[in-house]
Amino acid sequence: MTLPTPVDLPRPAALRLRGQVFDASRPAVMAVINRTRDSFWAGNRLAAVEDAVAALHAAVEQGADIVDVGGVRAGAEGEHVGATEEISRVVPFLEAARAAYPSLVLSLDTWRSEVALAAAPVGLDLVNDTWAGHDPDLVHVAAQVGAGVVCSHTGGLPPRTDPVGMRYADEHGDDELAVVRDVLRTLRTGARRAREAGIPRERILVDPTLDFGKTTRHSLVTLRHTADVAALGYPVLQALSRKDFVGETLDLSVDERLEGTLAATAVAAWLGTTVFRAHDVRATRRVVDMVAGIRGDRAPLLTVRGEPAQ
């Protein structure tokens, strides 16, 4: 009897930061630390340094490989935060994190080059530019300080703009795949600019950036096409945690979106994502490691049932 050939799965591209390699056998969980009073989820409002450091310790204990700190709420709601205030929020935390965990990969969520430059002395590993190169100097600062960069897609919207009634159309039409084509074009261009700035391919992440510049329908379609994003040849980051596309799909508040988030995480992992930005670190760690095991990229940690003789 001839068995059917398994469907070819996209291979997650390897990410190399701080001497560590994250790939199909070792997907990375990026913990979120929001140094804000107005984060969209109350569980991650860590304005006090001591609270942020406590969250850091918990995230590492729960299996985080990367810690991503931000000092400004992403959405339009909330307080105005200038660059000086943003620096005062993120740098003390990064200093404490580096002192506590010398080998931990540290990421800074900012769209401002001056903030990234101020954070460089702590040994910054990654600049998470969630606003798609709004500050054209940011990628050059990342290259200058030896950090990697996240290239994102926001549909051309400026920082802290909530998408309302977004539409995508190109020479092929305005079908539901127009947003996917726009995502791929934007990420390909962003990654090329990062390489031209001097950042090696293995330190460039591409993030389809669900919710940003997208309706819920756009985000769901883009998530289904994660394999196409992975096919660009760069490690993929997915930031899915408790987002509005989950809430709108299931009609759930932020506090009730964990299961929907984990379902989206499993799909993204199966389709070739390397890094997962998450508020719920332990649950995400277990999901992505289990998916890696199902794919055959990660061996079971325990074999009580034994293994067949070779």
Protein backbone atom coordinates (compact mmCIF):
# COMPACT_ATOMS: atom_id res chain seq x y z
CA MET A 1 0.00 0.00 0.00
CA THR A 2 1.30 3.45 -0.89
CA LEU A 3 0.78 6.07 1.81
CA PRO A 4 -0.17 9.60 0.80
CA THR A 5 2.67 12.11 0.82
CA PRO A 6 2.43 14.48 3.81
CA VAL A 7 1.64 18.08 2.99
CA ASP A 8 4.83 20.13 2.90
CA LEU A 9 4.92 22.55 5.80
CA PRO A 10 6.71 25.89 5.65
CA ARG A 11 9.96 25.78 7.57
CA PRO A 12 10.27 28.58 10.11
CA ALA A 13 13.38 30.61 9.31
CA ALA A 14 16.00 30.80 12.05
CA LEU A 15 16.42 33.92 14.19
CA ARG A 16 19.85 34.54 15.74
CA LEU A 17 20.15 37.00 18.63
CA ARG A 18 22.60 37.23 21.56
CA GLY A 19 24.26 33.97 20.53
CA GLN A 20 20.98 32.06 20.57
CA VAL A 21 19.12 30.40 17.72
CA PHE A 22 15.33 30.21 17.52
CA ASP A 23 13.89 28.00 14.81
CA ALA A 24 11.45 25.17 14.09
CA SER A 25 12.78 23.08 16.97
CA ARG A 26 13.00 26.03 19.35
CA PRO A 27 10.25 28.57 18.74
CA ALA A 28 10.63 31.74 20.79
CA VAL A 29 8.11 33.25 23.18
CA MET A 30 8.39 37.02 23.52
CA ALA A 31 6.94 38.28 26.79
CA VAL A 32 5.22 41.67 26.80
CA ILE A 33 6.10 44.27 29.44
CA ASN A 34 4.09 47.47 29.05
CA ARG A 35 5.50 50.36 31.12
CA THR A 36 2.21 52.21 30.82
CA ARG A 37 -0.82 53.10 32.88
CA ASP A 38 -3.20 52.60 29.97
CA SER A 39 -2.34 49.31 28.27
CA PHE A 40 -5.39 47.83 26.52
CA TRP A 41 -5.25 44.88 28.95
CA ALA A 42 -5.26 45.76 32.63
CA GLY A 43 -3.13 42.71 33.40
CA ASN A 44 -0.15 44.34 31.70
CA ARG A 45 -0.26 47.87 33.11
CA LEU A 46 3.17 47.97 34.73
CA ALA A 47 3.84 51.66 35.30
CA ALA A 48 5.84 51.03 38.48
CA VAL A 49 9.37 49.72 37.86
CA GLU A 50 9.08 47.21 40.68
CA ASP A 51 5.91 45.75 39.13
CA ALA A 52 7.58 45.52 35.72
CA VAL A 53 10.61 43.75 37.20
CA ALA A 54 8.35 41.31 39.06
CA ALA A 55 6.58 40.58 35.76
CA LEU A 56 9.98 40.07 34.14
CA HIS A 57 10.98 37.43 36.70
CA ALA A 58 7.64 35.66 36.26
CA ALA A 59 7.96 35.68 32.48
CA VAL A 60 11.44 34.17 32.56
CA GLU A 61 10.31 31.51 35.02
CA GLN A 62 7.37 30.66 32.73
CA GLY A 63 9.56 30.17 29.69
CA ALA A 64 10.07 33.51 27.93
CA ASP A 65 13.06 33.66 25.56
CA ILE A 66 12.68 37.34 24.67
CA VAL A 67 11.27 40.23 26.68
CA ASP A 68 9.73 43.14 24.76
CA VAL A 69 9.24 46.41 26.65
CA GLY A 70 7.16 49.33 25.47
CA GLY A 71 6.44 52.72 26.97
CA VAL A 72 3.53 53.91 24.82
CA ARG A 73 0.11 52.41 24.25
CA ALA A 74 -0.26 51.30 20.63
CA GLY A 75 -3.82 52.54 20.09
CA ALA A 76 -5.21 56.06 19.81
CA GLU A 77 -6.80 55.99 23.24
CA GLY A 78 -4.75 56.92 26.27
CA GLU A 79 -2.25 59.56 27.22
CA HIS A 80 0.22 61.36 24.98
CA VAL A 81 3.79 60.19 25.61
CA GLY A 82 6.72 62.14 24.21
CA ALA A 83 10.14 60.69 23.47
CA THR A 84 11.68 61.92 26.74
CA GLU A 85 8.94 60.31 28.81
CA GLU A 86 9.13 57.11 26.76
CA ILE A 87 12.89 56.90 27.43
CA SER A 88 12.33 57.39 31.16
CA ARG A 89 9.89 54.48 31.16
CA VAL A 90 11.81 51.88 29.17
CA VAL A 91 15.51 52.45 29.90
CA PRO A 92 15.43 51.82 33.70
CA PHE A 93 13.57 48.59 33.08
CA LEU A 94 16.01 47.47 30.39
CA GLU A 95 18.93 48.22 32.73
CA ALA A 96 17.34 46.12 35.48
CA ALA A 97 16.54 43.31 33.05
CA ARG A 98 20.08 43.19 31.67
CA ALA A 99 21.57 43.17 35.16
CA ALA A 100 19.30 40.32 36.25
CA TYR A 101 19.56 38.23 33.06
CA PRO A 102 22.76 38.85 31.06
CA SER A 103 21.87 36.29 28.37
CA LEU A 104 18.20 37.22 27.97
CA VAL A 105 17.21 38.65 24.59
CA LEU A 106 15.90 42.19 25.16
CA SER A 107 13.57 43.88 22.70
CA LEU A 108 12.33 47.48 22.62
CA ASP A 109 8.88 48.25 21.20
CA THR A 110 9.23 51.77 19.76
CA TRP A 111 8.83 53.67 16.51
CA ARG A 112 11.27 56.42 17.57
CA SER A 113 14.96 56.29 16.67
CA GLU A 114 15.97 58.54 19.60
CA VAL A 115 14.40 56.09 22.06
CA ALA A 116 16.26 53.14 20.55
CA LEU A 117 19.52 55.09 20.64
CA ALA A 118 19.01 55.96 24.31
CA ALA A 119 18.39 52.27 25.10
CA ALA A 120 21.44 51.02 23.20
CA PRO A 121 23.91 51.01 26.13
CA VAL A 122 21.98 48.22 27.90
CA GLY A 123 22.88 45.83 25.08
CA LEU A 124 19.67 46.04 23.09
CA ASP A 125 19.11 42.94 20.94
CA LEU A 126 16.00 43.81 18.94
CA VAL A 127 14.05 46.90 17.89
CA ASN A 128 10.37 46.07 17.49
CA ASP A 129 9.17 48.73 15.05
CA THR A 130 5.43 48.15 15.08
CA TRP A 131 4.74 51.19 12.89
CA ALA A 132 6.43 50.06 9.68
CA GLY A 133 9.33 52.47 9.41
CA HIS A 134 7.42 55.65 10.27
CA ASP A 135 10.77 56.98 11.52
CA PRO A 136 13.14 56.12 8.63
CA ASP A 137 16.17 56.53 10.90
CA LEU A 138 15.08 53.73 13.24
CA VAL A 139 16.37 50.87 11.09
CA HIS A 140 19.74 52.62 10.79
CA VAL A 141 19.96 53.02 14.58
CA ALA A 142 19.21 49.31 14.96
CA ALA A 143 22.04 48.52 12.54
CA GLN A 144 24.37 50.97 14.29
CA VAL A 145 23.90 49.37 17.71
CA GLY A 146 24.03 45.80 16.38
CA ALA A 147 20.39 45.01 17.06
CA GLY A 148 17.91 43.12 14.95
CA VAL A 149 14.69 44.72 13.73
CA VAL A 150 11.04 43.81 13.31
CA CYS A 151 9.52 44.90 9.99
CA SER A 152 5.77 45.39 10.28
CA HIS A 153 2.67 46.20 8.22
CA THR A 154 0.21 48.92 9.23
CA GLY A 155 -1.52 49.71 5.96
CA GLY A 156 0.33 53.03 5.79
CA LEU A 157 -1.24 54.41 8.96
CA PRO A 158 0.88 56.60 11.28
CA PRO A 159 1.61 55.62 14.90
CA ARG A 160 -1.30 55.23 17.29
CA THR A 161 -3.96 55.25 14.57
CA ASP A 162 -6.85 52.85 15.05
CA PRO A 163 -8.06 51.32 11.75
CA VAL A 164 -11.65 52.15 10.80
CA GLY A 165 -13.18 50.97 7.54
CA MET A 166 -9.83 49.96 6.05
CA ARG A 167 -9.92 48.72 2.45
CA TYR A 168 -7.23 47.16 0.27
CA ALA A 169 -7.16 47.10 -3.51
CA ASP A 170 -4.43 46.74 -6.12
CA GLU A 171 -4.02 45.98 -9.81
CA HIS A 172 -5.45 42.51 -9.14
CA GLY A 173 -8.64 43.86 -7.58
CA ASP A 174 -10.14 44.38 -4.15
CA ASP A 175 -10.77 40.75 -3.26
CA GLU A 176 -10.04 39.47 0.23
CA LEU A 177 -6.48 38.57 -0.77
CA ALA A 178 -5.62 42.20 -1.54
CA VAL A 179 -4.62 42.71 2.08
CA VAL A 180 -2.32 39.67 1.95
CA ARG A 181 -0.64 40.98 -1.19
CA ASP A 182 -0.15 44.37 0.51
CA VAL A 183 1.30 42.69 3.60
CA LEU A 184 3.77 40.71 1.52
CA ARG A 185 4.85 43.73 -0.52
CA THR A 186 5.34 45.87 2.58
CA LEU A 187 7.25 43.24 4.53
CA ARG A 188 9.46 42.41 1.54
CA THR A 189 10.30 46.12 1.16
CA GLY A 190 10.92 46.60 4.88
CA ALA A 191 13.21 43.59 5.06
CA ARG A 192 15.15 44.79 2.01
CA ARG A 193 15.68 48.20 3.62
CA ALA A 194 16.89 46.53 6.80
CA ARG A 195 19.44 44.50 4.85
CA GLU A 196 20.55 47.60 2.94
CA ALA A 197 21.06 49.32 6.33
CA GLY A 198 23.42 46.50 7.30
CA ILE A 199 21.26 44.18 9.40
CA PRO A 200 21.88 40.48 8.64
CA ARG A 201 18.97 38.41 7.35
CA GLU A 202 18.96 36.21 10.47
CA ARG A 203 18.29 39.29 12.64
CA ILE A 204 15.36 40.57 10.58
CA LEU A 205 11.86 39.56 11.66
CA VAL A 206 8.73 40.12 9.58
CA ASP A 207 5.45 40.73 11.40
CA PRO A 208 2.11 40.80 9.51
CA THR A 209 0.90 42.91 12.47
CA LEU A 210 -2.68 41.77 12.89
CA ASP A 211 -5.18 44.45 13.99
CA PHE A 212 -2.83 47.25 12.87
CA GLY A 213 -4.30 48.81 9.72
CA LYS A 214 -6.69 45.88 9.43
CA THR A 215 -10.28 44.97 10.12
CA THR A 216 -10.98 41.68 11.84
CA ARG A 217 -11.66 40.08 8.45
CA HIS A 218 -8.30 41.32 7.20
CA SER A 219 -6.54 39.89 10.24
CA LEU A 220 -8.19 36.48 9.88
CA VAL A 221 -7.33 36.27 6.18
CA THR A 222 -3.75 37.34 6.87
CA LEU A 223 -3.39 34.76 9.64
CA ARG A 224 -4.59 32.03 7.27
CA HIS A 225 -1.79 33.07 4.92
CA THR A 226 1.02 32.90 7.48
CA ALA A 227 2.76 30.34 5.25
CA ASP A 228 3.05 32.98 2.53
CA VAL A 229 4.69 35.34 5.01
CA ALA A 230 7.09 32.59 6.06
CA ALA A 231 7.90 31.99 2.39
CA LEU A 232 9.55 35.43 2.28
CA GLY A 233 12.50 33.66 3.94
CA TYR A 234 12.73 35.66 7.16
CA PRO A 235 11.74 34.57 10.67
CA VAL A 236 8.10 35.48 11.28
CA LEU A 237 6.84 37.19 14.42
CA GLN A 238 3.16 36.97 15.27
CA ALA A 239 1.66 39.27 17.92
CA LEU A 240 -1.72 37.66 18.52
CA SER A 241 -2.20 38.01 22.24
CA ARG A 242 -5.72 39.03 23.30
CA LYS A 243 -6.12 41.22 20.22
CA ASP A 244 -9.34 42.73 18.94
CA PHE A 245 -9.62 40.30 16.01
CA VAL A 246 -9.94 37.52 18.60
CA GLY A 247 -12.46 39.51 20.63
CA GLU A 248 -14.59 40.44 17.63
CA THR A 249 -14.52 36.92 16.19
CA LEU A 250 -15.80 35.43 19.44
CA ASP A 251 -17.58 38.49 20.90
CA LEU A 252 -15.37 38.44 23.99
CA SER A 253 -13.80 41.07 26.22
CA VAL A 254 -10.02 41.35 26.58
CA ASP A 255 -10.07 39.32 29.80
CA GLU A 256 -11.78 36.39 28.04
CA ARG A 257 -9.60 36.07 24.94
CA LEU A 258 -6.99 33.54 26.08
CA GLU A 259 -8.45 30.45 24.39
CA GLY A 260 -9.01 32.30 21.11
CA THR A 261 -5.47 33.61 21.27
CA LEU A 262 -4.07 30.13 21.79
CA ALA A 263 -6.07 28.75 18.86
CA ALA A 264 -4.61 31.48 16.64
CA THR A 265 -1.16 30.75 18.08
CA ALA A 266 -1.39 27.07 17.19
CA VAL A 267 -2.39 27.90 13.59
CA ALA A 268 0.43 30.43 13.26
CA ALA A 269 2.93 27.93 14.67
CA TRP A 270 1.83 25.19 12.29
CA LEU A 271 2.17 27.56 9.34
CA GLY A 272 5.75 28.61 10.01
CA THR A 273 5.98 31.31 12.70
CA THR A 274 9.22 31.49 14.70
CA VAL A 275 8.45 34.09 17.42
CA PHE A 276 5.24 34.64 19.39
CA ARG A 277 4.65 37.89 21.29
CA ALA A 278 2.43 37.03 24.25
CA HIS A 279 1.00 38.25 27.52
CA ASP A 280 0.29 34.69 28.71
CA VAL A 281 3.77 33.23 28.59
CA ARG A 282 3.34 29.78 30.14
CA ALA A 283 0.27 28.89 28.05
CA THR A 284 1.92 30.15 24.87
CA ARG A 285 5.14 28.26 25.64
CA ARG A 286 3.26 25.00 25.97
CA VAL A 287 1.21 25.52 22.81
CA VAL A 288 4.13 26.36 20.53
CA ASP A 289 6.28 23.55 21.92
CA MET A 290 3.43 21.09 21.43
CA VAL A 291 2.90 22.22 17.84
CA ALA A 292 6.65 21.83 17.21
CA GLY A 293 6.35 18.28 18.55
CA ILE A 294 3.38 17.49 16.30
CA ARG A 295 5.27 18.85 13.31
CA GLY A 296 8.17 16.55 14.17
CA ASP A 297 10.60 19.40 14.83
CA ARG A 298 10.91 18.91 18.58
CA ALA A 299 11.42 15.60 20.39
CA PRO A 300 9.23 14.71 23.40
CA LEU A 301 10.87 15.57 26.72
CA LEU A 302 9.62 12.37 28.35
CA THR A 303 9.32 8.90 26.81
CA VAL A 304 7.71 6.70 29.47
CA ARG A 305 6.02 4.68 26.72
CA GLY A 306 9.41 4.08 25.21
CA GLU A 307 10.72 4.44 21.69
CA PRO A 308 10.81 1.68 19.07
CA ALA A 309 14.18 0.03 18.54
CA GLN A 310 16.21 1.52 15.73
